[in-house]
């Protein structure tokens, strides 16, 4: 199985290439704009593996939620590369990728992900992992004020993502009693994107590149004055 995966919906530029289980990866918090470095990084990883886009089984892209420009970049690159080489695509939730990172790196089984959405809000999702490592959504992904996050009633939870650091004074009322630990700021990482992409490829059909769509959750970028 040969899968290219990338995410640019956060401050990080994340690219991974899996070729029959071997992973090449790139992760950075770049000083340059992601629009300037994403395609050269993809090209470099493909060259290292001796692959062309047409040799891939699928292209996975970070569909958001996240920064509008970053989400649009990932979607447009997936559309362009997939369409030109007739390779199907897979949309990966940025929040789910952060939860997967928390599970892989810290063995967290119940993960609350809050990523900064600006304007005093976060992108939020709750996830649980089965004993076999399968990710399950425990809430709808939404944009919400941190203090109103609905923490599921069952289980002890781990908090991950940039939103918790950004709004430390706005914690939910039951945060201290329901959350057992806080993981330092996490972003999507190449291995997590690829793991979620492989699971999707095994259990579902990928979609044509022309059907790649972003997930914004918030429609308005700028709040209008009262």
N, C-alpha and C. Protein backbone atom coordinates (compact mmCIF):
# COMPACT_ATOMS: atom_id res chain seq x y z
N UNK A 1 0.84 -1.20 0.00
CA UNK A 1 0.00 0.00 0.00
C UNK A 1 0.88 1.25 0.00
N UNK A 2 0.59 2.17 -0.89
CA UNK A 2 1.39 3.39 -1.03
C UNK A 2 0.47 4.59 -0.85
N UNK A 3 0.71 5.36 0.22
CA UNK A 3 -0.16 6.48 0.54
C UNK A 3 0.67 7.72 0.84
N UNK A 4 0.27 8.83 0.24
CA UNK A 4 0.83 10.14 0.56
C UNK A 4 -0.18 10.87 1.43
N UNK A 5 0.27 11.49 2.52
CA UNK A 5 -0.63 12.21 3.42
C UNK A 5 0.00 13.54 3.81
N UNK A 6 -0.83 14.57 3.93
CA UNK A 6 -0.32 15.88 4.35
C UNK A 6 -1.42 16.69 5.02
N UNK A 7 -0.99 17.59 5.89
CA UNK A 7 -1.91 18.47 6.61
C UNK A 7 -1.25 19.83 6.79
N UNK A 8 -2.00 20.88 6.46
CA UNK A 8 -1.49 22.24 6.63
C UNK A 8 -2.54 23.11 7.33
N UNK A 9 -3.43 22.49 8.10
CA UNK A 9 -4.53 23.23 8.72
C UNK A 9 -4.14 23.88 10.04
N UNK A 10 -2.94 23.61 10.54
CA UNK A 10 -2.43 24.25 11.74
C UNK A 10 -1.15 25.00 11.39
N UNK A 11 -0.41 25.45 12.41
CA UNK A 11 0.87 26.12 12.15
C UNK A 11 1.90 25.17 11.56
N UNK A 12 1.68 23.87 11.74
CA UNK A 12 2.64 22.87 11.30
C UNK A 12 2.43 22.49 9.83
N UNK A 13 3.53 22.16 9.18
CA UNK A 13 3.48 21.57 7.84
C UNK A 13 3.84 20.10 8.00
N UNK A 14 2.91 19.22 7.70
CA UNK A 14 3.04 17.80 7.99
C UNK A 14 2.88 17.00 6.70
N UNK A 15 3.89 16.19 6.38
CA UNK A 15 3.83 15.36 5.18
C UNK A 15 4.37 13.98 5.50
N UNK A 16 3.67 12.94 5.08
CA UNK A 16 4.13 11.57 5.28
C UNK A 16 3.90 10.74 4.03
N UNK A 17 4.78 9.81 3.79
CA UNK A 17 4.67 8.90 2.65
C UNK A 17 4.90 7.48 3.15
N UNK A 18 3.90 6.63 2.99
CA UNK A 18 4.02 5.23 3.40
C UNK A 18 4.12 4.35 2.16
N UNK A 19 5.17 3.56 2.11
CA UNK A 19 5.39 2.66 0.99
C UNK A 19 5.58 1.26 1.54
N UNK A 20 4.53 0.45 1.44
CA UNK A 20 4.55 -0.93 1.94
C UNK A 20 5.02 -0.98 3.40
N UNK A 21 4.51 -0.05 4.21
CA UNK A 21 4.82 -0.07 5.64
C UNK A 21 6.00 0.79 6.05
N UNK A 22 6.84 1.16 5.10
CA UNK A 22 7.98 2.04 5.40
C UNK A 22 7.52 3.49 5.27
N UNK A 23 7.88 4.32 6.26
CA UNK A 23 7.37 5.69 6.29
C UNK A 23 8.50 6.70 6.13
N UNK A 24 8.31 7.62 5.21
CA UNK A 24 9.14 8.82 5.11
C UNK A 24 8.30 9.97 5.60
N UNK A 25 8.87 10.87 6.40
CA UNK A 25 8.03 11.90 6.98
C UNK A 25 8.74 13.23 7.10
N UNK A 26 7.92 14.28 7.15
CA UNK A 26 8.41 15.64 7.33
C UNK A 26 7.45 16.35 8.28
N UNK A 27 8.01 17.04 9.26
CA UNK A 27 7.21 17.85 10.19
C UNK A 27 8.01 19.07 10.57
N UNK A 28 7.39 20.25 10.47
CA UNK A 28 8.07 21.46 10.93
C UNK A 28 7.03 22.54 11.23
N UNK A 29 7.45 23.51 12.02
CA UNK A 29 6.69 24.74 12.21
C UNK A 29 7.44 25.79 11.40
N UNK A 30 7.13 25.89 10.13
CA UNK A 30 8.00 26.62 9.20
C UNK A 30 7.91 28.14 9.35
N UNK A 31 9.01 28.79 9.02
CA UNK A 31 9.01 30.25 8.97
C UNK A 31 8.44 30.73 7.64
N UNK A 32 8.65 29.93 6.59
CA UNK A 32 8.07 30.27 5.30
C UNK A 32 6.60 29.86 5.26
N UNK A 33 5.87 30.46 4.33
CA UNK A 33 4.48 30.10 4.16
C UNK A 33 4.37 28.66 3.66
N UNK A 34 3.35 27.95 4.14
CA UNK A 34 3.17 26.57 3.73
C UNK A 34 2.96 26.44 2.23
N UNK A 35 2.37 27.47 1.63
CA UNK A 35 2.17 27.43 0.18
C UNK A 35 3.49 27.35 -0.58
N UNK A 36 4.57 27.83 0.05
CA UNK A 36 5.87 27.83 -0.61
C UNK A 36 6.61 26.51 -0.46
N UNK A 37 6.28 25.73 0.56
CA UNK A 37 7.11 24.55 0.85
C UNK A 37 6.39 23.22 0.67
N UNK A 38 5.06 23.21 0.64
CA UNK A 38 4.35 21.92 0.62
C UNK A 38 4.69 21.08 -0.60
N UNK A 39 4.55 21.63 -1.79
CA UNK A 39 4.81 20.85 -2.99
C UNK A 39 6.27 20.40 -3.11
N UNK A 40 7.26 21.27 -2.81
CA UNK A 40 8.65 20.79 -2.84
C UNK A 40 8.91 19.65 -1.85
N UNK A 41 8.28 19.69 -0.68
CA UNK A 41 8.47 18.61 0.29
C UNK A 41 7.87 17.31 -0.24
N UNK A 42 6.67 17.39 -0.80
CA UNK A 42 6.04 16.21 -1.39
C UNK A 42 6.92 15.62 -2.48
N UNK A 43 7.43 16.48 -3.34
CA UNK A 43 8.28 16.03 -4.43
C UNK A 43 9.55 15.35 -3.89
N UNK A 44 10.12 15.93 -2.84
CA UNK A 44 11.34 15.36 -2.25
C UNK A 44 11.09 13.97 -1.67
N UNK A 45 9.99 13.79 -0.94
CA UNK A 45 9.69 12.48 -0.36
C UNK A 45 9.42 11.45 -1.46
N UNK A 46 8.71 11.84 -2.50
CA UNK A 46 8.45 10.92 -3.60
C UNK A 46 9.76 10.52 -4.29
N UNK A 47 10.65 11.48 -4.47
CA UNK A 47 11.94 11.18 -5.09
C UNK A 47 12.75 10.22 -4.22
N UNK A 48 12.72 10.43 -2.90
CA UNK A 48 13.44 9.52 -2.01
C UNK A 48 12.93 8.09 -2.13
N UNK A 49 11.62 7.95 -2.35
CA UNK A 49 11.02 6.62 -2.45
C UNK A 49 11.05 6.08 -3.87
N UNK A 50 11.49 6.90 -4.83
CA UNK A 50 11.50 6.46 -6.22
C UNK A 50 10.11 6.28 -6.79
N UNK A 51 9.18 7.15 -6.37
CA UNK A 51 7.79 7.03 -6.77
C UNK A 51 7.33 8.25 -7.54
N UNK A 52 6.30 8.04 -8.36
CA UNK A 52 5.57 9.13 -8.97
C UNK A 52 4.17 9.16 -8.36
N UNK A 53 3.51 10.28 -8.50
CA UNK A 53 2.15 10.40 -7.97
C UNK A 53 1.26 9.27 -8.49
N UNK A 54 1.41 8.94 -9.75
CA UNK A 54 0.57 7.90 -10.37
C UNK A 54 0.78 6.53 -9.74
N UNK A 55 1.87 6.34 -9.00
CA UNK A 55 2.14 5.06 -8.36
C UNK A 55 1.50 4.90 -7.00
N UNK A 56 0.79 5.95 -6.54
CA UNK A 56 0.16 5.91 -5.23
C UNK A 56 -1.19 5.21 -5.29
N UNK A 57 -1.57 4.60 -4.17
CA UNK A 57 -2.90 4.02 -4.04
C UNK A 57 -3.91 5.07 -3.60
N UNK A 58 -3.45 6.08 -2.86
CA UNK A 58 -4.35 7.13 -2.39
C UNK A 58 -3.53 8.32 -1.90
N UNK A 59 -4.19 9.48 -1.90
CA UNK A 59 -3.63 10.71 -1.33
C UNK A 59 -4.56 11.14 -0.20
N UNK A 60 -4.01 11.26 1.00
CA UNK A 60 -4.80 11.69 2.16
C UNK A 60 -4.45 13.13 2.48
N UNK A 61 -5.47 13.93 2.73
CA UNK A 61 -5.26 15.35 3.01
C UNK A 61 -5.98 15.75 4.29
N UNK A 62 -5.40 16.68 5.03
CA UNK A 62 -6.05 17.21 6.22
C UNK A 62 -7.21 18.09 5.80
N UNK A 63 -8.43 17.63 6.06
CA UNK A 63 -9.61 18.34 5.58
C UNK A 63 -10.07 19.45 6.52
N UNK A 64 -9.38 19.60 7.67
CA UNK A 64 -9.80 20.57 8.67
C UNK A 64 -10.58 19.87 9.76
N UNK A 65 -11.10 20.63 10.70
CA UNK A 65 -11.10 22.10 10.74
C UNK A 65 -9.74 22.66 11.10
N UNK A 66 -9.58 23.94 10.80
CA UNK A 66 -8.32 24.59 11.09
C UNK A 66 -8.26 25.93 10.39
N UNK A 67 -7.05 26.44 10.20
CA UNK A 67 -6.87 27.72 9.52
C UNK A 67 -7.44 27.65 8.11
N UNK A 68 -8.24 28.63 7.74
CA UNK A 68 -8.93 28.59 6.45
C UNK A 68 -7.95 28.45 5.29
N UNK A 69 -6.89 29.26 5.29
CA UNK A 69 -5.95 29.21 4.17
C UNK A 69 -5.22 27.87 4.12
N UNK A 70 -4.88 27.33 5.30
CA UNK A 70 -4.20 26.04 5.35
C UNK A 70 -5.08 24.90 4.90
N UNK A 71 -6.34 24.93 5.30
CA UNK A 71 -7.27 23.88 4.87
C UNK A 71 -7.46 23.94 3.36
N UNK A 72 -7.65 25.15 2.84
CA UNK A 72 -7.83 25.30 1.39
C UNK A 72 -6.60 24.81 0.63
N UNK A 73 -5.42 25.07 1.18
CA UNK A 73 -4.19 24.62 0.52
C UNK A 73 -4.16 23.11 0.41
N UNK A 74 -4.41 22.42 1.51
CA UNK A 74 -4.36 20.96 1.48
C UNK A 74 -5.39 20.38 0.51
N UNK A 75 -6.59 20.93 0.53
CA UNK A 75 -7.64 20.43 -0.37
C UNK A 75 -7.26 20.67 -1.83
N UNK A 76 -6.77 21.85 -2.14
CA UNK A 76 -6.44 22.16 -3.53
C UNK A 76 -5.28 21.32 -4.04
N UNK A 77 -4.28 21.07 -3.18
CA UNK A 77 -3.15 20.24 -3.59
C UNK A 77 -3.61 18.78 -3.80
N UNK A 78 -4.46 18.28 -2.92
CA UNK A 78 -4.99 16.93 -3.09
C UNK A 78 -5.80 16.83 -4.38
N UNK A 79 -6.61 17.84 -4.65
CA UNK A 79 -7.40 17.84 -5.87
C UNK A 79 -6.48 17.85 -7.10
N UNK A 80 -5.49 18.74 -7.09
CA UNK A 80 -4.62 18.87 -8.24
C UNK A 80 -3.79 17.63 -8.52
N UNK A 81 -3.14 17.11 -7.47
CA UNK A 81 -2.30 15.94 -7.64
C UNK A 81 -3.14 14.71 -7.99
N UNK A 82 -4.25 14.54 -7.27
CA UNK A 82 -5.08 13.37 -7.51
C UNK A 82 -5.71 13.37 -8.89
N UNK A 83 -6.20 14.52 -9.31
CA UNK A 83 -6.86 14.60 -10.62
C UNK A 83 -5.86 14.38 -11.74
N UNK A 84 -4.68 14.98 -11.63
CA UNK A 84 -3.69 14.89 -12.71
C UNK A 84 -3.18 13.47 -12.90
N UNK A 85 -3.14 12.68 -11.81
CA UNK A 85 -2.60 11.32 -11.89
C UNK A 85 -3.67 10.24 -11.73
N UNK A 86 -4.93 10.65 -11.65
CA UNK A 86 -6.05 9.71 -11.48
C UNK A 86 -5.87 8.86 -10.23
N UNK A 87 -5.54 9.52 -9.12
CA UNK A 87 -5.37 8.85 -7.84
C UNK A 87 -6.49 9.31 -6.90
N UNK A 88 -7.20 8.40 -6.24
CA UNK A 88 -8.28 8.81 -5.33
C UNK A 88 -7.73 9.46 -4.07
N UNK A 89 -8.61 10.15 -3.34
CA UNK A 89 -8.18 10.90 -2.17
C UNK A 89 -9.00 10.50 -0.95
N UNK A 90 -8.45 10.83 0.23
CA UNK A 90 -9.09 10.54 1.51
C UNK A 90 -8.99 11.78 2.38
N UNK A 91 -10.11 12.28 2.88
CA UNK A 91 -10.10 13.41 3.79
C UNK A 91 -9.92 12.93 5.22
N UNK A 92 -8.98 13.54 5.94
CA UNK A 92 -8.69 13.16 7.33
C UNK A 92 -8.99 14.35 8.24
N UNK A 93 -9.77 14.13 9.28
CA UNK A 93 -10.05 15.18 10.25
C UNK A 93 -8.78 15.59 10.98
N UNK A 94 -8.53 16.89 11.03
CA UNK A 94 -7.37 17.39 11.77
C UNK A 94 -7.48 17.06 13.25
N UNK A 95 -8.68 17.16 13.80
CA UNK A 95 -8.88 16.85 15.21
C UNK A 95 -8.65 15.37 15.49
N UNK A 96 -9.13 14.51 14.61
CA UNK A 96 -8.91 13.08 14.78
C UNK A 96 -7.43 12.74 14.68
N UNK A 97 -6.71 13.46 13.82
CA UNK A 97 -5.26 13.21 13.69
C UNK A 97 -4.53 13.58 14.97
N UNK A 98 -4.96 14.65 15.63
CA UNK A 98 -4.36 15.03 16.91
C UNK A 98 -4.66 13.96 17.96
N UNK A 99 -5.90 13.47 17.98
CA UNK A 99 -6.26 12.41 18.92
C UNK A 99 -5.43 11.16 18.66
N UNK A 100 -5.24 10.82 17.40
CA UNK A 100 -4.43 9.65 17.05
C UNK A 100 -2.99 9.84 17.51
N UNK A 101 -2.47 11.05 17.37
CA UNK A 101 -1.12 11.35 17.83
C UNK A 101 -1.01 11.13 19.35
N UNK A 102 -2.04 11.58 20.08
CA UNK A 102 -2.05 11.40 21.53
C UNK A 102 -2.09 9.93 21.91
N UNK A 103 -2.81 9.14 21.14
CA UNK A 103 -2.89 7.71 21.40
C UNK A 103 -1.58 7.01 21.09
N UNK A 104 -0.99 7.36 19.96
CA UNK A 104 0.25 6.71 19.53
C UNK A 104 1.42 7.08 20.44
N UNK A 105 1.52 8.36 20.78
CA UNK A 105 2.69 8.85 21.53
C UNK A 105 2.54 8.65 23.03
N UNK A 106 1.29 8.74 23.54
CA UNK A 106 1.08 8.73 24.99
C UNK A 106 0.12 7.63 25.45
N UNK A 107 -0.31 6.77 24.52
CA UNK A 107 -1.23 5.68 24.85
C UNK A 107 -2.54 6.18 25.47
N UNK A 108 -2.94 7.40 25.13
CA UNK A 108 -4.20 7.95 25.63
C UNK A 108 -5.37 7.22 24.97
N UNK A 109 -6.31 6.76 25.78
CA UNK A 109 -7.45 6.01 25.26
C UNK A 109 -8.68 6.89 25.05
N UNK A 110 -8.85 7.89 25.90
CA UNK A 110 -9.98 8.82 25.81
C UNK A 110 -9.41 10.23 25.65
N UNK A 111 -9.64 10.84 24.50
CA UNK A 111 -8.94 12.08 24.18
C UNK A 111 -9.93 13.20 23.83
N UNK A 112 -9.78 14.32 24.53
CA UNK A 112 -10.50 15.54 24.20
C UNK A 112 -9.55 16.45 23.44
N UNK A 113 -9.88 16.78 22.21
CA UNK A 113 -9.02 17.63 21.40
C UNK A 113 -9.64 19.02 21.26
N UNK A 114 -8.87 20.04 21.61
CA UNK A 114 -9.29 21.43 21.43
C UNK A 114 -8.18 22.17 20.70
N UNK A 115 -8.47 22.61 19.49
CA UNK A 115 -7.51 23.37 18.69
C UNK A 115 -8.00 24.81 18.58
N UNK A 116 -7.08 25.75 18.71
CA UNK A 116 -7.43 27.16 18.70
C UNK A 116 -8.16 27.54 17.41
N UNK A 117 -9.35 28.11 17.55
CA UNK A 117 -10.12 28.58 16.40
C UNK A 117 -10.18 30.11 16.35
N UNK A 118 -9.45 30.76 17.26
CA UNK A 118 -9.43 32.22 17.39
C UNK A 118 -10.82 32.73 17.79
N UNK A 119 -10.91 34.03 17.98
CA UNK A 119 -12.15 34.68 18.40
C UNK A 119 -12.72 34.07 19.67
N UNK A 120 -11.83 33.60 20.57
CA UNK A 120 -12.26 33.05 21.84
C UNK A 120 -12.90 31.69 21.76
N UNK A 121 -12.69 30.97 20.67
CA UNK A 121 -13.31 29.66 20.49
C UNK A 121 -12.28 28.60 20.09
N UNK A 122 -12.70 27.35 20.17
CA UNK A 122 -11.84 26.23 19.78
C UNK A 122 -12.61 25.29 18.87
N UNK A 123 -11.86 24.54 18.07
CA UNK A 123 -12.43 23.40 17.36
C UNK A 123 -12.32 22.22 18.31
N UNK A 124 -13.42 21.51 18.50
CA UNK A 124 -13.45 20.48 19.55
C UNK A 124 -14.00 19.16 19.03
N UNK A 125 -13.41 18.08 19.55
CA UNK A 125 -13.92 16.74 19.30
C UNK A 125 -13.47 15.81 20.41
N UNK A 126 -14.31 14.80 20.72
CA UNK A 126 -13.97 13.79 21.73
C UNK A 126 -13.83 12.44 21.04
N UNK A 127 -12.79 11.69 21.41
CA UNK A 127 -12.48 10.43 20.72
C UNK A 127 -12.08 9.36 21.73
N UNK A 128 -12.46 8.14 21.44
CA UNK A 128 -12.03 6.99 22.23
C UNK A 128 -11.37 5.97 21.31
N UNK A 129 -10.44 5.21 21.88
CA UNK A 129 -9.76 4.17 21.13
C UNK A 129 -10.10 2.81 21.72
N UNK A 130 -10.43 1.88 20.85
CA UNK A 130 -10.74 0.53 21.29
C UNK A 130 -9.44 -0.18 21.68
N UNK A 131 -9.57 -1.37 22.28
CA UNK A 131 -8.39 -2.13 22.65
C UNK A 131 -7.53 -2.48 21.43
N UNK A 132 -8.18 -2.57 20.27
CA UNK A 132 -7.44 -2.88 19.04
C UNK A 132 -6.87 -1.63 18.38
N UNK A 133 -7.10 -0.45 19.00
CA UNK A 133 -6.53 0.78 18.48
C UNK A 133 -7.39 1.52 17.48
N UNK A 134 -8.64 1.11 17.33
CA UNK A 134 -9.53 1.77 16.38
C UNK A 134 -10.12 3.03 16.98
N UNK A 135 -10.05 4.13 16.24
CA UNK A 135 -10.56 5.42 16.72
C UNK A 135 -12.07 5.49 16.53
N UNK A 136 -12.76 5.97 17.58
CA UNK A 136 -14.21 6.14 17.53
C UNK A 136 -14.56 7.57 17.97
N UNK A 137 -15.39 8.23 17.18
CA UNK A 137 -15.84 9.57 17.54
C UNK A 137 -16.87 9.47 18.65
N UNK A 138 -16.71 10.28 19.70
CA UNK A 138 -17.64 10.30 20.81
C UNK A 138 -18.46 11.59 20.86
N UNK A 139 -18.23 12.48 19.92
CA UNK A 139 -19.00 13.72 19.85
C UNK A 139 -18.92 14.25 18.43
N UNK A 140 -19.82 15.15 18.10
CA UNK A 140 -19.73 15.87 16.84
C UNK A 140 -18.57 16.86 16.93
N UNK A 141 -17.83 17.00 15.86
CA UNK A 141 -16.81 18.04 15.83
C UNK A 141 -17.50 19.39 15.70
N UNK A 142 -17.07 20.37 16.49
CA UNK A 142 -17.75 21.65 16.51
C UNK A 142 -16.80 22.76 16.87
N UNK A 143 -17.23 23.99 16.62
CA UNK A 143 -16.51 25.17 17.08
C UNK A 143 -17.30 25.73 18.25
N UNK A 144 -16.62 25.98 19.38
CA UNK A 144 -17.32 26.26 20.62
C UNK A 144 -16.38 27.00 21.57
N UNK A 145 -16.95 27.75 22.50
CA UNK A 145 -16.14 28.37 23.55
C UNK A 145 -15.65 27.28 24.49
N UNK A 146 -14.41 27.39 24.93
CA UNK A 146 -13.80 26.32 25.73
C UNK A 146 -14.62 26.00 26.97
N UNK A 147 -15.19 27.02 27.61
CA UNK A 147 -15.93 26.80 28.84
C UNK A 147 -17.20 26.01 28.66
N UNK A 148 -17.66 25.86 27.43
CA UNK A 148 -18.91 25.14 27.16
C UNK A 148 -18.68 23.75 26.55
N UNK A 149 -17.44 23.31 26.55
CA UNK A 149 -17.15 21.99 25.98
C UNK A 149 -17.90 20.91 26.76
N UNK A 150 -18.61 20.02 26.05
CA UNK A 150 -19.31 18.93 26.72
C UNK A 150 -18.39 17.73 26.91
N UNK A 151 -17.91 17.53 28.12
CA UNK A 151 -17.05 16.38 28.40
C UNK A 151 -17.93 15.16 28.62
N UNK A 152 -17.73 14.07 27.87
CA UNK A 152 -18.55 12.87 28.05
C UNK A 152 -18.52 12.39 29.49
N UNK A 153 -19.61 11.82 29.93
CA UNK A 153 -19.77 11.45 31.33
C UNK A 153 -18.96 10.23 31.74
N UNK A 154 -18.73 9.31 30.82
CA UNK A 154 -18.04 8.08 31.17
C UNK A 154 -16.54 8.18 30.93
N UNK A 155 -15.75 7.65 31.88
CA UNK A 155 -14.32 7.52 31.68
C UNK A 155 -13.51 8.73 32.10
N UNK A 156 -12.20 8.49 32.25
CA UNK A 156 -11.24 9.57 32.52
C UNK A 156 -10.66 10.02 31.19
N UNK A 157 -10.51 11.33 31.03
CA UNK A 157 -10.15 11.87 29.73
C UNK A 157 -8.79 12.57 29.78
N UNK A 158 -8.15 12.60 28.63
CA UNK A 158 -6.88 13.31 28.43
C UNK A 158 -7.15 14.48 27.50
N UNK A 159 -6.61 15.65 27.83
CA UNK A 159 -6.78 16.85 27.00
C UNK A 159 -5.55 17.05 26.13
N UNK A 160 -5.77 17.33 24.84
CA UNK A 160 -4.66 17.55 23.91
C UNK A 160 -5.05 18.64 22.92
N UNK A 161 -4.04 19.34 22.39
CA UNK A 161 -4.30 20.35 21.38
C UNK A 161 -3.98 21.76 21.84
N UNK A 162 -3.90 22.68 20.90
CA UNK A 162 -3.45 24.04 21.18
C UNK A 162 -4.49 24.90 21.89
N UNK A 163 -5.76 24.50 21.84
CA UNK A 163 -6.82 25.32 22.42
C UNK A 163 -6.75 25.45 23.93
N UNK A 164 -6.31 24.39 24.59
CA UNK A 164 -6.23 24.41 26.06
C UNK A 164 -5.18 25.43 26.52
N UNK A 165 -4.06 25.51 25.82
CA UNK A 165 -3.02 26.47 26.16
C UNK A 165 -3.46 27.91 25.87
N UNK A 166 -4.24 28.06 24.81
CA UNK A 166 -4.61 29.41 24.36
C UNK A 166 -5.61 30.07 25.30
N UNK A 167 -6.48 29.27 25.92
CA UNK A 167 -7.53 29.84 26.76
C UNK A 167 -7.54 29.16 28.14
N UNK A 168 -6.46 29.26 28.90
CA UNK A 168 -6.35 28.53 30.17
C UNK A 168 -7.33 29.00 31.24
N UNK A 169 -7.87 30.19 31.08
CA UNK A 169 -8.81 30.71 32.09
C UNK A 169 -10.27 30.37 31.77
N UNK A 170 -10.49 29.64 30.67
CA UNK A 170 -11.86 29.35 30.24
C UNK A 170 -12.19 27.87 30.30
N UNK A 171 -11.56 27.14 31.20
CA UNK A 171 -11.77 25.69 31.26
C UNK A 171 -13.23 25.36 31.62
N UNK A 172 -13.73 24.23 31.13
CA UNK A 172 -15.07 23.78 31.52
C UNK A 172 -15.15 23.59 33.03
N UNK A 173 -16.33 23.79 33.64
CA UNK A 173 -16.47 23.69 35.10
C UNK A 173 -16.02 22.35 35.67
N UNK A 174 -16.24 21.26 34.94
CA UNK A 174 -15.91 19.93 35.45
C UNK A 174 -14.57 19.42 34.92
N UNK A 175 -13.73 20.33 34.40
CA UNK A 175 -12.48 19.91 33.77
C UNK A 175 -11.57 19.15 34.74
N UNK A 176 -11.34 19.72 35.93
CA UNK A 176 -10.38 19.12 36.86
C UNK A 176 -10.83 17.75 37.37
N UNK A 177 -12.13 17.53 37.44
CA UNK A 177 -12.62 16.24 37.95
C UNK A 177 -12.76 15.20 36.86
N UNK A 178 -12.85 15.61 35.61
CA UNK A 178 -13.09 14.67 34.52
C UNK A 178 -11.85 14.38 33.69
N UNK A 179 -10.87 15.29 33.74
CA UNK A 179 -9.67 15.15 32.90
C UNK A 179 -8.50 14.73 33.77
N UNK A 180 -7.92 13.58 33.46
CA UNK A 180 -6.87 13.00 34.29
C UNK A 180 -5.50 13.59 34.00
N UNK A 181 -5.29 14.05 32.77
CA UNK A 181 -3.98 14.60 32.42
C UNK A 181 -4.09 15.51 31.20
N UNK A 182 -3.08 16.34 31.07
CA UNK A 182 -3.01 17.27 29.94
C UNK A 182 -1.72 17.01 29.19
N UNK A 183 -1.82 16.76 27.92
CA UNK A 183 -0.65 16.50 27.08
C UNK A 183 -0.17 17.83 26.51
N UNK A 184 1.14 18.01 26.48
CA UNK A 184 1.68 19.23 25.90
C UNK A 184 1.14 19.40 24.47
N UNK A 185 1.18 20.61 24.00
CA UNK A 185 0.58 20.94 22.71
C UNK A 185 0.96 19.91 21.64
N UNK A 186 -0.07 19.36 21.02
CA UNK A 186 0.12 18.39 19.95
C UNK A 186 -0.47 18.90 18.65
N UNK A 187 0.16 18.52 17.56
CA UNK A 187 -0.34 18.78 16.22
C UNK A 187 -0.55 17.44 15.51
N UNK A 188 -1.20 17.44 14.36
CA UNK A 188 -1.17 16.23 13.55
C UNK A 188 0.28 15.87 13.23
N UNK A 189 0.57 14.60 13.10
CA UNK A 189 1.91 14.18 12.71
C UNK A 189 1.79 13.19 11.56
N UNK A 190 2.88 12.96 10.81
CA UNK A 190 2.80 12.11 9.62
C UNK A 190 2.28 10.70 9.90
N UNK A 191 2.79 10.06 10.95
CA UNK A 191 2.41 8.69 11.25
C UNK A 191 0.91 8.58 11.56
N UNK A 192 0.39 9.56 12.28
CA UNK A 192 -1.04 9.53 12.63
C UNK A 192 -1.92 9.73 11.41
N UNK A 193 -1.55 10.67 10.55
CA UNK A 193 -2.29 10.86 9.31
C UNK A 193 -2.32 9.58 8.49
N UNK A 194 -1.17 8.94 8.38
CA UNK A 194 -1.08 7.72 7.57
C UNK A 194 -1.86 6.57 8.19
N UNK A 195 -1.84 6.47 9.51
CA UNK A 195 -2.59 5.39 10.16
C UNK A 195 -4.08 5.55 9.92
N UNK A 196 -4.59 6.77 10.06
CA UNK A 196 -6.01 7.02 9.82
C UNK A 196 -6.35 6.81 8.35
N UNK A 197 -5.44 7.20 7.46
CA UNK A 197 -5.68 7.02 6.03
C UNK A 197 -5.74 5.54 5.68
N UNK A 198 -4.85 4.74 6.25
CA UNK A 198 -4.85 3.30 5.97
C UNK A 198 -6.14 2.65 6.46
N UNK A 199 -6.59 3.06 7.66
CA UNK A 199 -7.84 2.50 8.19
C UNK A 199 -9.01 2.84 7.29
N UNK A 200 -9.03 4.07 6.79
CA UNK A 200 -10.10 4.48 5.88
C UNK A 200 -10.03 3.72 4.57
N UNK A 201 -8.84 3.52 4.07
CA UNK A 201 -8.66 2.83 2.79
C UNK A 201 -9.08 1.37 2.89
N UNK A 202 -8.86 0.76 4.05
CA UNK A 202 -9.24 -0.64 4.24
C UNK A 202 -10.75 -0.79 4.41
N UNK A 203 -11.36 0.13 5.14
CA UNK A 203 -12.78 -0.01 5.50
C UNK A 203 -13.74 0.72 4.58
N UNK A 204 -13.23 1.68 3.81
CA UNK A 204 -14.11 2.47 2.95
C UNK A 204 -13.43 2.73 1.60
N UNK A 205 -14.24 3.12 0.67
CA UNK A 205 -13.70 3.49 -0.63
C UNK A 205 -13.22 4.94 -0.61
N UNK A 206 -12.02 5.22 -1.11
CA UNK A 206 -11.61 6.62 -1.26
C UNK A 206 -12.49 7.29 -2.30
N UNK A 207 -12.39 8.60 -2.41
CA UNK A 207 -13.24 9.34 -3.33
C UNK A 207 -12.42 9.93 -4.47
N UNK A 208 -13.05 10.25 -5.58
CA UNK A 208 -12.32 10.92 -6.67
C UNK A 208 -11.78 12.26 -6.19
N UNK A 209 -10.67 12.67 -6.76
CA UNK A 209 -10.02 13.91 -6.33
C UNK A 209 -10.94 15.12 -6.48
N UNK A 210 -11.81 15.11 -7.47
CA UNK A 210 -12.70 16.24 -7.70
C UNK A 210 -13.70 16.42 -6.56
N UNK A 211 -13.88 15.39 -5.73
CA UNK A 211 -14.84 15.46 -4.63
C UNK A 211 -14.20 15.84 -3.30
N UNK A 212 -12.92 16.15 -3.31
CA UNK A 212 -12.25 16.57 -2.07
C UNK A 212 -12.84 17.89 -1.60
N UNK A 213 -13.23 17.94 -0.33
CA UNK A 213 -13.86 19.15 0.20
C UNK A 213 -13.25 19.51 1.55
N UNK A 214 -13.26 20.80 1.89
CA UNK A 214 -12.77 21.23 3.21
C UNK A 214 -13.85 21.10 4.26
N UNK A 215 -13.43 21.03 5.52
CA UNK A 215 -14.34 21.09 6.66
C UNK A 215 -13.92 22.29 7.49
N UNK A 216 -14.74 23.34 7.49
CA UNK A 216 -14.39 24.56 8.18
C UNK A 216 -15.02 24.65 9.57
N UNK A 217 -16.26 24.17 9.74
CA UNK A 217 -17.08 24.28 10.93
C UNK A 217 -17.57 25.71 11.16
N UNK A 218 -16.70 26.68 10.99
CA UNK A 218 -17.13 28.08 11.12
C UNK A 218 -17.18 28.69 9.72
N UNK A 219 -18.30 29.34 9.40
CA UNK A 219 -18.47 29.92 8.08
C UNK A 219 -17.92 31.33 7.98
N UNK A 220 -17.93 32.06 9.10
CA UNK A 220 -17.52 33.45 9.10
C UNK A 220 -16.12 33.59 9.66
N UNK A 221 -15.22 34.11 8.86
CA UNK A 221 -13.84 34.28 9.31
C UNK A 221 -13.72 35.51 10.21
N UNK A 222 -14.43 36.56 9.90
CA UNK A 222 -14.33 37.81 10.64
C UNK A 222 -15.67 38.09 11.32
N UNK A 223 -15.62 38.38 12.59
CA UNK A 223 -16.84 38.71 13.31
C UNK A 223 -17.22 40.16 13.03
N UNK A 224 -18.47 40.36 12.62
CA UNK A 224 -18.93 41.70 12.33
C UNK A 224 -19.11 42.51 13.61
N UNK A 225 -18.83 43.81 13.57
CA UNK A 225 -19.04 44.64 14.77
C UNK A 225 -20.53 44.76 15.07
N UNK A 226 -20.85 44.94 16.36
CA UNK A 226 -22.25 45.11 16.76
C UNK A 226 -22.79 46.45 16.24
